[in-house]
Amino acid sequence: MRIKQIKLEHLVLGTLLAYVTVHLVEEWWFGFPAWAEVRWGIPGYTVFKWLLHNVYFAFFLAAGYVVYRINRDKFLFAGLGIVIWGLLNSINHIVFTIIFLKYSPGLFTGLIFAAFAVLAYRRVREMERLSWKTMVPSILAGLFYWGAPIVLFITVDKMLGI
């Protein structure tokens, strides 16, 4: 398949699938929980806790994908939000690799998310949907997919004392 043949829906699903497979494997393999404990000062950030936190992200992204698939035109923002979430993840890994001058586990697959975002931008432009009306809700959806799981797992962690 040529790059020009990759459809927006493939990039949306690709971001979700790359996250729950290769991205999490890269983070686990290269010790993201230990990295986050040291670099971000998260006490007791075990692999188990990290896995639980990733369930929250996966749930919100999967829910967004279901909404997008209900009507890809009407709910385009929900699908683009997933790609924007991937871009935020990529930026996160790039920025912290630069700040700490040490590899942030997840950086390599984060670069895949960045590539998907560039391709998604091109597809949206080709669809003539690149407008404030499309992009503002999409960016808000991406920020929601990023922020809601974090708020939720911090709240639940405090309630459970973990």
C-alpha atoms as a PDB file:
ATOM      1  CA  MET A   1       0.000   0.000   0.000  1.00  0.00           C
ATOM      2  CA  ARG A   2       1.367   3.390  -0.976  1.00  0.00           C
ATOM      3  CA  ILE A   3       1.321   6.268   1.507  1.00  0.00           C
ATOM      4  CA  LYS A   4      -1.135   8.219  -0.665  1.00  0.00           C
ATOM      5  CA  GLN A   5      -3.553   5.294  -0.443  1.00  0.00           C
ATOM      6  CA  ILE A   6      -3.705   5.309   3.356  1.00  0.00           C
ATOM      7  CA  LYS A   7      -7.142   6.552   4.348  1.00  0.00           C
ATOM      8  CA  LEU A   8      -7.911   8.726   7.340  1.00  0.00           C
ATOM      9  CA  GLU A   9      -9.850   5.902   8.984  1.00  0.00           C
ATOM     10  CA  HIS A  10      -6.703   3.733   8.779  1.00  0.00           C
ATOM     11  CA  LEU A  11      -4.670   6.437  10.509  1.00  0.00           C
ATOM     12  CA  VAL A  12      -7.256   6.766  13.282  1.00  0.00           C
ATOM     13  CA  LEU A  13      -7.413   3.014  13.874  1.00  0.00           C
ATOM     14  CA  GLY A  14      -3.656   2.733  13.344  1.00  0.00           C
ATOM     15  CA  THR A  15      -3.007   5.223  16.142  1.00  0.00           C
ATOM     16  CA  LEU A  16      -5.239   3.278  18.524  1.00  0.00           C
ATOM     17  CA  LEU A  17      -3.763  -0.100  17.590  1.00  0.00           C
ATOM     18  CA  ALA A  18      -0.160   1.130  17.616  1.00  0.00           C
ATOM     19  CA  TYR A  19      -0.771   2.492  21.115  1.00  0.00           C
ATOM     20  CA  VAL A  20      -2.218  -0.669  22.651  1.00  0.00           C
ATOM     21  CA  THR A  21       0.387  -2.881  21.010  1.00  0.00           C
ATOM     22  CA  VAL A  22       3.833  -1.639  20.034  1.00  0.00           C
ATOM     23  CA  HIS A  23       3.842   1.616  22.023  1.00  0.00           C
ATOM     24  CA  LEU A  24       3.011  -0.084  25.303  1.00  0.00           C
ATOM     25  CA  VAL A  25       5.516  -2.846  24.531  1.00  0.00           C
ATOM     26  CA  GLU A  26       8.226  -0.239  23.906  1.00  0.00           C
ATOM     27  CA  GLU A  27       7.389   1.587  27.142  1.00  0.00           C
ATOM     28  CA  TRP A  28       7.362  -1.669  29.117  1.00  0.00           C
ATOM     29  CA  TRP A  29      10.470  -3.137  27.487  1.00  0.00           C
ATOM     30  CA  PHE A  30      12.531  -0.026  28.137  1.00  0.00           C
ATOM     31  CA  GLY A  31      11.193   0.613  31.637  1.00  0.00           C
ATOM     32  CA  PHE A  32       8.832   3.548  31.358  1.00  0.00           C
ATOM     33  CA  PRO A  33       7.397   3.095  34.885  1.00  0.00           C
ATOM     34  CA  ALA A  34      10.887   3.297  36.452  1.00  0.00           C
ATOM     35  CA  TRP A  35      11.767   6.183  34.127  1.00  0.00           C
ATOM     36  CA  ALA A  36       8.594   8.082  35.153  1.00  0.00           C
ATOM     37  CA  GLU A  37       9.239   7.388  38.841  1.00  0.00           C
ATOM     38  CA  VAL A  38      12.713   8.935  38.609  1.00  0.00           C
ATOM     39  CA  ARG A  39      12.093  11.713  36.061  1.00  0.00           C
ATOM     40  CA  TRP A  40       8.576  12.774  37.110  1.00  0.00           C
ATOM     41  CA  GLY A  41       8.882  11.887  40.780  1.00  0.00           C
ATOM     42  CA  ILE A  42       5.905   9.530  40.833  1.00  0.00           C
ATOM     43  CA  PRO A  43       6.385   7.465  44.001  1.00  0.00           C
ATOM     44  CA  GLY A  44       5.825   3.717  43.713  1.00  0.00           C
ATOM     45  CA  TYR A  45       5.106   3.784  39.983  1.00  0.00           C
ATOM     46  CA  THR A  46       5.134   0.052  39.400  1.00  0.00           C
ATOM     47  CA  VAL A  47       4.515  -1.805  36.156  1.00  0.00           C
ATOM     48  CA  PHE A  48       1.137  -2.874  37.565  1.00  0.00           C
ATOM     49  CA  LYS A  49       0.113   0.716  38.288  1.00  0.00           C
ATOM     50  CA  TRP A  50       1.345   1.820  34.857  1.00  0.00           C
ATOM     51  CA  LEU A  51      -0.700  -0.954  33.209  1.00  0.00           C
ATOM     52  CA  LEU A  52      -3.813   0.121  35.105  1.00  0.00           C
ATOM     53  CA  HIS A  53      -3.293   3.708  34.017  1.00  0.00           C
ATOM     54  CA  ASN A  54      -2.983   2.604  30.410  1.00  0.00           C
ATOM     55  CA  VAL A  55      -6.344   0.841  30.663  1.00  0.00           C
ATOM     56  CA  TYR A  56      -7.895   4.273  31.280  1.00  0.00           C
ATOM     57  CA  PHE A  57      -6.252   5.728  28.161  1.00  0.00           C
ATOM     58  CA  ALA A  58      -7.219   2.701  26.065  1.00  0.00           C
ATOM     59  CA  PHE A  59     -10.835   2.932  27.248  1.00  0.00           C
ATOM     60  CA  PHE A  60     -11.196   6.604  26.308  1.00  0.00           C
ATOM     61  CA  LEU A  61      -9.498   6.103  22.947  1.00  0.00           C
ATOM     62  CA  ALA A  62     -11.632   3.033  22.151  1.00  0.00           C
ATOM     63  CA  ALA A  63     -14.805   4.900  23.141  1.00  0.00           C
ATOM     64  CA  GLY A  64     -13.769   7.768  20.860  1.00  0.00           C
ATOM     65  CA  TYR A  65     -13.178   5.303  18.046  1.00  0.00           C
ATOM     66  CA  VAL A  66     -16.660   3.798  18.498  1.00  0.00           C
ATOM     67  CA  VAL A  67     -18.195   7.286  18.322  1.00  0.00           C
ATOM     68  CA  TYR A  68     -16.169   8.053  15.200  1.00  0.00           C
ATOM     69  CA  ARG A  69     -17.286   4.818  13.521  1.00  0.00           C
ATOM     70  CA  ILE A  70     -20.967   5.545  14.172  1.00  0.00           C
ATOM     71  CA  ASN A  71     -20.763   8.327  11.593  1.00  0.00           C
ATOM     72  CA  ARG A  72     -17.267   9.123  10.308  1.00  0.00           C
ATOM     73  CA  ASP A  73     -18.387  12.393   8.760  1.00  0.00           C
ATOM     74  CA  LYS A  74     -20.501  13.776  11.591  1.00  0.00           C
ATOM     75  CA  PHE A  75     -18.114  12.595  14.320  1.00  0.00           C
ATOM     76  CA  LEU A  76     -14.881  13.266  12.450  1.00  0.00           C
ATOM     77  CA  PHE A  77     -13.659  15.220  15.485  1.00  0.00           C
ATOM     78  CA  ALA A  78     -13.730  12.031  17.601  1.00  0.00           C
ATOM     79  CA  GLY A  79     -11.465  10.195  15.153  1.00  0.00           C
ATOM     80  CA  LEU A  80      -9.118  13.116  14.592  1.00  0.00           C
ATOM     81  CA  GLY A  81      -8.948  13.531  18.361  1.00  0.00           C
ATOM     82  CA  ILE A  82      -7.361  10.075  18.561  1.00  0.00           C
ATOM     83  CA  VAL A  83      -4.671  11.090  16.079  1.00  0.00           C
ATOM     84  CA  ILE A  84      -4.149  14.353  17.988  1.00  0.00           C
ATOM     85  CA  TRP A  85      -3.828  12.336  21.210  1.00  0.00           C
ATOM     86  CA  GLY A  86      -1.080  10.335  19.478  1.00  0.00           C
ATOM     87  CA  LEU A  87       0.642  13.572  18.483  1.00  0.00           C
ATOM     88  CA  LEU A  88       0.461  14.798  22.096  1.00  0.00           C
ATOM     89  CA  ASN A  89       1.992  11.506  23.221  1.00  0.00           C
ATOM     90  CA  SER A  90       4.757  11.930  20.660  1.00  0.00           C
ATOM     91  CA  ILE A  91       5.451  15.509  21.739  1.00  0.00           C
ATOM     92  CA  ASN A  92       5.530  14.361  25.370  1.00  0.00           C
ATOM     93  CA  HIS A  93       8.219  11.756  24.644  1.00  0.00           C
ATOM     94  CA  ILE A  94      10.249  14.120  22.437  1.00  0.00           C
ATOM     95  CA  VAL A  95      10.153  16.998  24.935  1.00  0.00           C
ATOM     96  CA  PHE A  96      11.133  14.844  27.912  1.00  0.00           C
ATOM     97  CA  THR A  97      13.914  13.167  25.937  1.00  0.00           C
ATOM     98  CA  ILE A  98      15.297  16.649  25.223  1.00  0.00           C
ATOM     99  CA  ILE A  99      14.767  18.000  28.764  1.00  0.00           C
ATOM    100  CA  PHE A 100      16.442  15.057  30.498  1.00  0.00           C
ATOM    101  CA  LEU A 101      18.898  14.307  27.663  1.00  0.00           C
ATOM    102  CA  LYS A 102      17.975  10.670  28.058  1.00  0.00           C
ATOM    103  CA  TYR A 103      15.736   8.418  25.987  1.00  0.00           C
ATOM    104  CA  SER A 104      12.105   8.492  27.105  1.00  0.00           C
ATOM    105  CA  PRO A 105      10.676   4.963  26.693  1.00  0.00           C
ATOM    106  CA  GLY A 106       7.984   5.285  24.032  1.00  0.00           C
ATOM    107  CA  LEU A 107       9.886   7.815  21.908  1.00  0.00           C
ATOM    108  CA  PHE A 108      10.302   5.587  18.845  1.00  0.00           C
ATOM    109  CA  THR A 109       6.654   4.594  18.581  1.00  0.00           C
ATOM    110  CA  GLY A 110       5.748   8.162  19.486  1.00  0.00           C
ATOM    111  CA  LEU A 111       7.441   9.133  16.226  1.00  0.00           C
ATOM    112  CA  ILE A 112       5.010   6.799  14.453  1.00  0.00           C
ATOM    113  CA  PHE A 113       2.167   8.779  16.037  1.00  0.00           C
ATOM    114  CA  ALA A 114       3.728  11.993  14.715  1.00  0.00           C
ATOM    115  CA  ALA A 115       3.928  10.519  11.202  1.00  0.00           C
ATOM    116  CA  PHE A 116       0.278   9.444  11.426  1.00  0.00           C
ATOM    117  CA  ALA A 117      -0.645  12.996  12.472  1.00  0.00           C
ATOM    118  CA  VAL A 118       1.139  14.490   9.445  1.00  0.00           C
ATOM    119  CA  LEU A 119      -0.633  12.052   7.134  1.00  0.00           C
ATOM    120  CA  ALA A 120      -3.981  12.722   8.843  1.00  0.00           C
ATOM    121  CA  TYR A 121      -3.477  16.461   8.338  1.00  0.00           C
ATOM    122  CA  ARG A 122      -2.939  15.808   4.624  1.00  0.00           C
ATOM    123  CA  ARG A 123      -6.050  13.617   4.382  1.00  0.00           C
ATOM    124  CA  VAL A 124      -8.221  16.200   6.142  1.00  0.00           C
ATOM    125  CA  ARG A 125      -6.878  18.888   3.822  1.00  0.00           C
ATOM    126  CA  GLU A 126      -7.578  16.667   0.775  1.00  0.00           C
ATOM    127  CA  MET A 127     -11.122  16.111   2.095  1.00  0.00           C
ATOM    128  CA  GLU A 128     -11.479  19.906   2.262  1.00  0.00           C
ATOM    129  CA  ARG A 129     -12.394  19.609   5.945  1.00  0.00           C
ATOM    130  CA  LEU A 130      -9.447  21.588   7.282  1.00  0.00           C
ATOM    131  CA  SER A 131     -11.307  24.362   9.093  1.00  0.00           C
ATOM    132  CA  TRP A 132     -11.791  25.789  12.559  1.00  0.00           C
ATOM    133  CA  LYS A 133     -15.156  23.999  12.661  1.00  0.00           C
ATOM    134  CA  THR A 134     -13.364  20.661  12.300  1.00  0.00           C
ATOM    135  CA  MET A 135     -10.073  21.311  14.034  1.00  0.00           C
ATOM    136  CA  VAL A 136     -11.197  22.994  17.273  1.00  0.00           C
ATOM    137  CA  PRO A 137     -13.492  20.108  18.319  1.00  0.00           C
ATOM    138  CA  SER A 138     -10.801  17.625  17.194  1.00  0.00           C
ATOM    139  CA  ILE A 139      -8.123  19.303  19.303  1.00  0.00           C
ATOM    140  CA  LEU A 140     -10.531  19.443  22.255  1.00  0.00           C
ATOM    141  CA  ALA A 141     -11.271  15.727  21.796  1.00  0.00           C
ATOM    142  CA  GLY A 142      -7.533  14.953  21.744  1.00  0.00           C
ATOM    143  CA  LEU A 143      -7.024  16.984  24.916  1.00  0.00           C
ATOM    144  CA  PHE A 144      -9.992  15.191  26.489  1.00  0.00           C
ATOM    145  CA  TYR A 145      -8.541  11.763  25.590  1.00  0.00           C
ATOM    146  CA  TRP A 146      -5.289  12.937  27.191  1.00  0.00           C
ATOM    147  CA  GLY A 147      -6.620  14.680  30.302  1.00  0.00           C
ATOM    148  CA  ALA A 148      -9.711  12.722  31.347  1.00  0.00           C
ATOM    149  CA  PRO A 149      -7.848   9.438  31.963  1.00  0.00           C
ATOM    150  CA  ILE A 150      -5.178  11.263  33.977  1.00  0.00           C
ATOM    151  CA  VAL A 151      -7.736  13.013  36.188  1.00  0.00           C
ATOM    152  CA  LEU A 152      -9.653   9.754  36.580  1.00  0.00           C
ATOM    153  CA  PHE A 153      -6.687   7.566  37.516  1.00  0.00           C
ATOM    154  CA  ILE A 154      -5.289  10.149  39.928  1.00  0.00           C
ATOM    155  CA  THR A 155      -8.699  10.355  41.599  1.00  0.00           C
ATOM    156  CA  VAL A 156      -9.196   6.589  41.731  1.00  0.00           C
ATOM    157  CA  ASP A 157      -5.608   6.020  42.932  1.00  0.00           C
ATOM    158  CA  LYS A 158      -6.205   8.452  45.809  1.00  0.00           C
ATOM    159  CA  MET A 159      -9.546   6.828  46.682  1.00  0.00           C
ATOM    160  CA  LEU A 160      -7.953   3.366  46.718  1.00  0.00           C
ATOM    161  CA  GLY A 161      -4.776   4.561  48.413  1.00  0.00           C
ATOM    162  CA  ILE A 162      -2.483   3.187  45.717  1.00  0.00           C
END
